[in-house]
Amino acid sequence: MRRLYLIRHAKAEPGVGQDDYERALTSRGRADACRIVSALVASEPAPAVLIHSGALRTKQTAEIFAAHWPRRVELQEEIGLYDATKDMLFARACALSDSVDCVGLVGHNPGIGELAARLAGTGAHPELRRLAYKFPTCAVAVIDFDVAAWDDIDPGRGLLARFLTPAELEAETD
């Protein structure tokens, strides 16, 4: 069994007047990331590694997630995830090391959301519909694959185990 966390970076500063790659998280983005990972920690196993694009907002999101899990989560930077299409991200997921069975990719839309919709073929229908409709900042799709190796994953064959968004957590506390 393989588990893939697809994580869109948390809310970042507007890109006006600065390099897009250097956009940092806003205070709301940091708070959203803390709330999302806290909800995950309560019920989901930690990934062995979080691979981020290297853009400041993905790096900061990955660091917040890694800091909250009770076991050590390795962080890796991979610039190829920046502006990656769903096809590029799919190829990267298929090339993950088989030595780890639980990995997270921290990236950008539209690629990360499109990949989640492409991979998730089964799961709770309301969550599948929400995922296909919108993949907001700091959303996380947890997708399970009943395969022995990462290169055996196929589009539409993943089980959407969880789809979590900041708005969902806000609604639960109201």
Protein backbone atom coordinates (compact mmCIF):
# COMPACT_ATOMS: atom_id res chain seq x y z
CA MET A 1 0.00 0.00 0.00
CA ARG A 2 1.21 3.48 -0.90
CA ARG A 3 -0.11 6.77 0.48
CA LEU A 4 0.33 10.11 -1.25
CA TYR A 5 -0.38 13.47 0.37
CA LEU A 6 -1.03 16.17 -2.23
CA ILE A 7 -0.74 19.53 -0.49
CA ARG A 8 -1.32 22.95 -2.00
CA HIS A 9 0.75 25.65 -0.30
CA ALA A 10 -1.03 27.82 2.26
CA LYS A 11 -2.18 31.39 1.53
CA ALA A 12 0.70 33.60 0.43
CA GLU A 13 1.37 37.30 0.09
CA PRO A 14 0.17 38.94 -3.13
CA GLY A 15 2.70 38.80 -5.94
CA VAL A 16 2.64 42.53 -6.64
CA GLY A 17 6.11 44.02 -6.77
CA GLN A 18 8.04 40.87 -5.90
CA ASP A 19 9.35 37.71 -7.45
CA ASP A 20 6.64 35.01 -7.40
CA TYR A 21 9.15 32.43 -6.17
CA GLU A 22 9.86 34.54 -3.05
CA ARG A 23 6.26 35.03 -1.90
CA ALA A 24 5.97 34.16 1.81
CA LEU A 25 2.98 32.84 3.71
CA THR A 26 0.60 35.32 5.28
CA SER A 27 -0.30 35.02 8.96
CA ARG A 28 -3.60 33.45 7.85
CA GLY A 29 -1.65 30.98 5.70
CA ARG A 30 0.51 29.97 8.66
CA ALA A 31 -2.56 29.56 10.88
CA ASP A 32 -4.35 27.49 8.20
CA ALA A 33 -1.32 25.23 7.80
CA CYS A 34 -1.14 24.68 11.58
CA ARG A 35 -4.86 23.84 11.77
CA ILE A 36 -4.77 21.48 8.78
CA VAL A 37 -1.73 19.54 9.94
CA SER A 38 -3.11 19.34 13.49
CA ALA A 39 -6.25 17.70 12.10
CA LEU A 40 -4.13 15.30 10.06
CA VAL A 41 -1.86 14.39 12.97
CA ALA A 42 -4.93 13.28 14.94
CA SER A 43 -5.85 10.57 12.44
CA GLU A 44 -3.27 10.11 9.68
CA PRO A 45 0.26 8.67 9.68
CA ALA A 46 3.12 11.04 8.97
CA PRO A 47 4.73 10.91 5.56
CA ALA A 48 8.38 9.89 5.56
CA VAL A 49 9.20 12.83 3.30
CA LEU A 50 7.61 16.06 2.08
CA ILE A 51 8.88 17.20 -1.30
CA HIS A 52 8.28 20.90 -2.04
CA SER A 53 8.93 23.09 -5.06
CA GLY A 54 11.45 25.33 -3.34
CA ALA A 55 9.22 28.39 -3.71
CA LEU A 56 9.20 30.12 -0.33
CA ARG A 57 5.46 29.49 0.24
CA THR A 58 5.77 25.74 -0.39
CA LYS A 59 8.90 25.50 1.73
CA GLN A 60 7.21 27.30 4.64
CA THR A 61 4.09 25.13 4.31
CA ALA A 62 6.21 21.96 4.30
CA GLU A 63 8.20 23.16 7.33
CA ILE A 64 5.01 23.80 9.32
CA PHE A 65 3.63 20.37 8.42
CA ALA A 66 6.90 18.61 9.26
CA ALA A 67 7.20 20.38 12.61
CA HIS A 68 3.77 19.19 13.80
CA TRP A 69 4.03 15.47 13.12
CA PRO A 70 5.32 13.51 16.11
CA ARG A 71 7.96 11.68 14.08
CA ARG A 72 10.68 13.22 11.96
CA VAL A 73 9.57 14.10 8.42
CA GLU A 74 12.36 14.69 5.91
CA LEU A 75 12.07 17.78 3.70
CA GLN A 76 13.30 17.77 0.12
CA GLU A 77 13.35 20.61 -2.38
CA GLU A 78 12.63 19.87 -6.01
CA ILE A 79 12.45 22.91 -8.24
CA GLY A 80 10.72 20.86 -10.96
CA LEU A 81 7.52 20.97 -8.91
CA TYR A 82 7.28 24.74 -9.45
CA ASP A 83 4.72 25.36 -12.23
CA ALA A 84 4.52 21.60 -12.84
CA THR A 85 1.56 20.33 -14.84
CA LYS A 86 -0.53 17.40 -13.66
CA ASP A 87 1.35 15.19 -16.14
CA MET A 88 4.74 16.28 -14.76
CA LEU A 89 3.52 15.71 -11.20
CA PHE A 90 2.12 12.30 -12.13
CA ALA A 91 5.49 11.31 -13.62
CA ARG A 92 7.18 12.48 -10.41
CA ALA A 93 4.79 10.47 -8.25
CA CYS A 94 5.47 7.36 -10.34
CA ALA A 95 9.22 7.91 -9.86
CA LEU A 96 9.06 8.11 -6.05
CA SER A 97 11.42 5.80 -4.21
CA ASP A 98 9.84 2.47 -3.30
CA SER A 99 11.79 2.59 -0.03
CA VAL A 100 9.09 4.93 1.33
CA ASP A 101 5.41 4.12 1.23
CA CYS A 102 4.04 7.45 2.47
CA VAL A 103 5.12 10.68 0.72
CA GLY A 104 3.81 14.22 0.40
CA LEU A 105 4.13 16.60 -2.53
CA VAL A 106 3.75 20.29 -1.62
CA GLY A 107 3.04 22.32 -4.71
CA HIS A 108 0.95 24.78 -6.63
CA ASN A 109 -2.31 24.94 -8.52
CA PRO A 110 -3.49 24.13 -11.03
CA GLY A 111 -1.14 21.13 -11.19
CA ILE A 112 -1.52 19.76 -7.65
CA GLY A 113 -5.33 19.97 -7.68
CA GLU A 114 -5.59 18.51 -11.17
CA LEU A 115 -3.34 15.62 -10.17
CA ALA A 116 -5.49 14.89 -7.11
CA ALA A 117 -8.63 14.81 -9.28
CA ARG A 118 -6.86 12.61 -11.84
CA LEU A 119 -5.62 10.05 -9.31
CA ALA A 120 -8.66 9.76 -7.01
CA GLY A 121 -11.15 7.34 -8.53
CA THR A 122 -12.87 6.02 -5.43
CA GLY A 123 -13.77 7.37 -2.04
CA ALA A 124 -16.63 9.28 -0.48
CA HIS A 125 -18.63 10.88 -3.29
CA PRO A 126 -19.10 14.26 -1.55
CA GLU A 127 -15.34 14.56 -1.05
CA LEU A 128 -14.60 13.50 -4.63
CA ARG A 129 -17.03 16.19 -5.89
CA ARG A 130 -15.49 18.87 -3.62
CA LEU A 131 -12.01 17.91 -4.79
CA ALA A 132 -13.00 18.12 -8.46
CA TYR A 133 -14.71 21.48 -7.91
CA LYS A 134 -11.99 23.36 -6.03
CA PHE A 135 -8.55 22.75 -4.50
CA PRO A 136 -8.03 25.88 -2.35
CA THR A 137 -4.84 27.04 -0.67
CA CYS A 138 -3.68 24.65 2.06
CA ALA A 139 -6.01 21.89 0.85
CA VAL A 140 -4.74 18.34 1.35
CA ALA A 141 -5.80 15.24 -0.58
CA VAL A 142 -4.75 11.94 0.98
CA ILE A 143 -4.80 9.24 -1.69
CA ASP A 144 -4.13 5.54 -1.09
CA PHE A 145 -2.99 3.05 -3.74
CA ASP A 146 -3.10 -0.71 -3.38
CA VAL A 147 0.18 -1.24 -5.26
CA ALA A 148 3.61 -2.58 -4.40
CA ALA A 149 5.57 0.13 -6.25
CA TRP A 150 5.01 3.78 -7.02
CA ASP A 151 5.35 3.22 -10.76
CA ASP A 152 2.27 0.97 -10.56
CA ILE A 153 -0.08 3.85 -9.67
CA ASP A 154 -2.64 4.66 -12.34
CA PRO A 155 -5.04 7.56 -12.91
CA GLY A 156 -8.43 6.95 -11.36
CA ARG A 157 -7.20 3.99 -9.29
CA GLY A 158 -6.49 5.82 -6.05
CA LEU A 159 -8.77 5.85 -3.02
CA LEU A 160 -9.40 9.36 -1.73
CA ALA A 161 -8.95 8.64 1.98
CA ARG A 162 -9.35 12.28 2.99
CA PHE A 163 -9.80 15.73 1.50
CA LEU A 164 -9.28 18.52 3.98
CA THR A 165 -9.55 22.29 3.48
CA PRO A 166 -9.21 25.27 5.83
CA ALA A 167 -12.85 26.27 5.17
CA GLU A 168 -14.00 22.81 6.26
CA LEU A 169 -12.19 23.18 9.59
CA GLU A 170 -13.63 26.68 10.08
CA ALA A 171 -17.15 25.32 9.48
CA GLU A 172 -16.58 22.59 12.09
CA THR A 173 -15.67 25.15 14.78
CA ASP A 174 -18.63 27.46 14.09
